Each structure stands twice: as C-alpha cells, then as structure tokens.
C-alpha cells in the first residue's frame, strides 16, 4: 500500500530517534523503504559513499541506515530545537516497551 512506507518510517523514527521527525527525514526513509537501498555520503571524506540494503523493498538495513545516519538524527542544533521533539534515553525506551506489553511487577519473597 502507498501509505505503508511513510507510516512505517515515521513509527520507526519515533522509536529509534526523535519524537517529532521532520518531513524530510520521513521522506528519505520512505525512499529507502521503497528502493531497498540507502546511499550515505560521508561529509568528512569527499566522494566516499556507502551503500546499505539489499535492493529489495522494505530492506531493514536500508531503513535503519536512513533513520540513524542522516545529520538531523545526531546534529546538536536539531537536538536542542524544541520543535524537533525530545530524544528518549535508553532506560525510558525500555520502560516504554515494558509498559506497552503491560508487564507487571512480581514480588519475590525469600524463604
């Protein structure tokens, strides 16, 4: 379906990155979802390009590279911008997953 790539990418960006992803970030991730590849140009080395993905639609390697590698995912200026949303620390992510699965605490009694 046509809405699957943007929906999936936005959900994954929220899970692995910021809570309010930019439309450009979602678009780049959607293009990687559709094509199955993501090309990363290293800004420190001119002409150095890395390719991620198998070339098949919905390649997770390409999608995750499109989420993690763009500068807006780690740029300090984006992280400090309140409009870009918050970044969860790892402990909050684990708590979020545990709460979503409705895990309950069990009491262990020593005998």
Foldseek 3Di string as FASTA:
>chain_A
DVCVQLVVLLVVLCLQAFVAADPVLSVLLSVCQAQQKDWDQDPVDPPDIDIWGDRDHRGVRRNVCSNCPDCCRPPPVNQPDVNRHHTDDPVVSVVVVCVVVVDDDDDDDDD
